[in-house]
Amino acid sequence: MSSSDTVHFRHNQAILAAAIIAFFGALPLAGARWYLLPVLLLPLAVALWAWRAGTDADARELRLRALLGQRRISWERVTELAADPRGRAVARLDDGRAVPLPAVRGSDLPRLLSVTGRSLPGAAG
């Protein structure tokens, strides 16, 4: 399966830019005393999260990516796609659980479904 068959959703890249600016802004503080060096870890973690976290979808599955791991959910387990009251996309699974889809808004649901080649009964859009 080629990468053109996969839809990627990521958070706004302004978060990554802000984390890089925060890292360089924290350098003088971290350089002042050795015990302040861990201050640099927070902007690095935010930058890594902004670069990595999101949702990937292809015809077989959803892949929910976080800072340190990922979760795969096959489309057969998804019974409904909808937007929550804040406009974020949520997938309801066959066991009744609702799983938020990182970086996917309710308005992105038609694009998310387009990669599957099918429609779900509860799909918003």
Protein backbone atom coordinates (compact mmCIF):
# COMPACT_ATOMS: atom_id res chain seq x y z
CA MET A 1 0.00 0.00 0.00
CA SER A 2 1.50 3.31 -1.01
CA SER A 3 1.61 6.38 1.19
CA SER A 4 -0.88 8.07 -1.16
CA ASP A 5 -3.49 5.59 0.13
CA THR A 6 -3.00 6.91 3.67
CA VAL A 7 -4.52 10.08 5.12
CA HIS A 8 -2.46 11.83 7.80
CA PHE A 9 -3.83 14.23 10.40
CA ARG A 10 -1.39 16.20 12.56
CA HIS A 11 -1.68 19.04 15.03
CA ASN A 12 -0.98 22.58 13.90
CA GLN A 13 2.73 23.02 13.25
CA ALA A 14 2.70 26.35 15.07
CA ILE A 15 2.96 24.23 18.25
CA LEU A 16 6.27 22.84 16.98
CA ALA A 17 7.55 26.34 16.19
CA ALA A 18 6.54 27.57 19.66
CA ALA A 19 8.34 24.63 21.30
CA ILE A 20 11.54 25.39 19.37
CA ILE A 21 11.35 29.05 20.37
CA ALA A 22 10.72 28.02 24.00
CA PHE A 23 13.75 25.72 23.88
CA PHE A 24 16.06 28.52 22.75
CA GLY A 25 14.43 30.90 25.25
CA ALA A 26 15.14 28.43 28.07
CA LEU A 27 18.82 28.00 27.15
CA PRO A 28 20.05 30.97 29.25
CA LEU A 29 18.07 29.75 32.26
CA ALA A 30 19.32 26.17 31.86
CA GLY A 31 22.87 27.42 31.41
CA ALA A 32 22.79 29.49 34.60
CA ARG A 33 22.92 26.46 36.95
CA TRP A 34 23.49 22.77 36.25
CA TYR A 35 20.36 21.73 38.17
CA LEU A 36 18.18 23.81 35.80
CA LEU A 37 19.14 21.72 32.73
CA PRO A 38 15.96 19.59 32.96
CA VAL A 39 14.00 22.76 32.08
CA LEU A 40 15.02 22.04 28.47
CA LEU A 41 13.19 18.71 28.50
CA LEU A 42 9.72 20.26 28.51
CA PRO A 43 10.01 22.17 25.20
CA LEU A 44 11.75 19.13 23.66
CA ALA A 45 8.87 16.87 24.72
CA VAL A 46 6.30 19.31 23.34
CA ALA A 47 8.21 19.55 20.04
CA LEU A 48 8.39 15.76 19.74
CA TRP A 49 4.67 15.43 20.53
CA ALA A 50 3.75 18.11 17.96
CA TRP A 51 5.84 16.37 15.30
CA ARG A 52 4.64 12.84 16.02
CA ALA A 53 1.10 12.84 17.48
CA GLY A 54 -1.91 12.50 15.22
CA THR A 55 -4.06 10.04 13.31
CA ASP A 56 -3.22 8.04 10.20
CA ALA A 57 -5.90 6.17 8.30
CA ASP A 58 -5.81 3.76 5.40
CA ALA A 59 -8.25 1.20 4.00
CA ARG A 60 -7.40 -1.34 6.73
CA GLU A 61 -7.08 0.59 9.97
CA LEU A 62 -6.81 3.74 12.01
CA ARG A 63 -3.43 4.41 13.62
CA LEU A 64 -3.58 6.77 16.62
CA ARG A 65 -0.11 8.12 17.36
CA ALA A 66 0.93 9.65 20.68
CA LEU A 67 4.21 10.95 22.09
CA LEU A 68 5.61 7.51 22.93
CA GLY A 69 3.35 4.93 21.34
CA GLN A 70 0.60 4.17 18.91
CA ARG A 71 -2.67 2.29 18.83
CA ARG A 72 -4.09 0.48 15.82
CA ILE A 73 -7.84 0.03 15.38
CA SER A 74 -9.21 -1.92 12.44
CA TRP A 75 -12.16 -0.39 10.60
CA GLU A 76 -14.24 -3.49 11.42
CA ARG A 77 -14.24 -2.40 15.08
CA VAL A 78 -15.46 1.14 14.31
CA THR A 79 -19.24 1.44 14.38
CA GLU A 80 -19.61 5.23 14.33
CA LEU A 81 -17.62 8.38 13.64
CA ALA A 82 -18.88 11.62 15.11
CA ALA A 83 -17.80 14.97 16.47
CA ASP A 84 -17.96 15.72 20.19
CA PRO A 85 -19.41 19.03 21.47
CA ARG A 86 -15.98 20.68 21.14
CA GLY A 87 -15.67 19.70 17.46
CA ARG A 88 -13.11 16.92 17.90
CA ALA A 89 -13.62 13.63 16.07
CA VAL A 90 -14.47 10.51 18.06
CA ALA A 91 -14.69 6.88 16.92
CA ARG A 92 -17.18 4.64 18.71
CA LEU A 93 -16.04 1.03 18.83
CA ASP A 94 -18.05 -2.19 18.77
CA ASP A 95 -17.54 -2.62 22.53
CA GLY A 96 -19.21 0.76 23.20
CA ARG A 97 -16.07 2.73 23.99
CA ALA A 98 -15.51 6.15 22.43
CA VAL A 99 -11.95 6.82 21.30
CA PRO A 100 -10.89 10.40 20.51
CA LEU A 101 -8.97 10.73 17.24
CA PRO A 102 -5.92 12.96 17.79
CA ALA A 103 -5.67 15.98 15.47
CA VAL A 104 -8.94 15.13 13.64
CA ARG A 105 -11.77 17.66 13.72
CA GLY A 106 -15.38 16.90 13.01
CA SER A 107 -15.07 18.72 9.68
CA ASP A 108 -12.28 16.28 8.69
CA LEU A 109 -14.54 13.20 8.90
CA PRO A 110 -15.45 13.11 5.17
CA ARG A 111 -11.74 13.13 4.27
CA LEU A 112 -11.09 10.42 6.85
CA LEU A 113 -13.84 8.24 5.40
CA SER A 114 -12.70 8.81 1.81
CA VAL A 115 -9.67 6.59 2.32
CA THR A 116 -11.76 3.62 3.47
CA GLY A 117 -13.85 3.28 0.34
CA ARG A 118 -16.99 2.70 2.41
CA SER A 119 -19.31 4.60 4.68
CA LEU A 120 -20.32 4.05 8.26
CA PRO A 121 -23.95 4.37 9.30
CA GLY A 122 -23.22 6.94 12.02
CA ALA A 123 -20.69 8.99 10.07
CA ALA A 124 -21.07 12.73 10.40
CA GLY A 125 -20.45 14.85 7.39
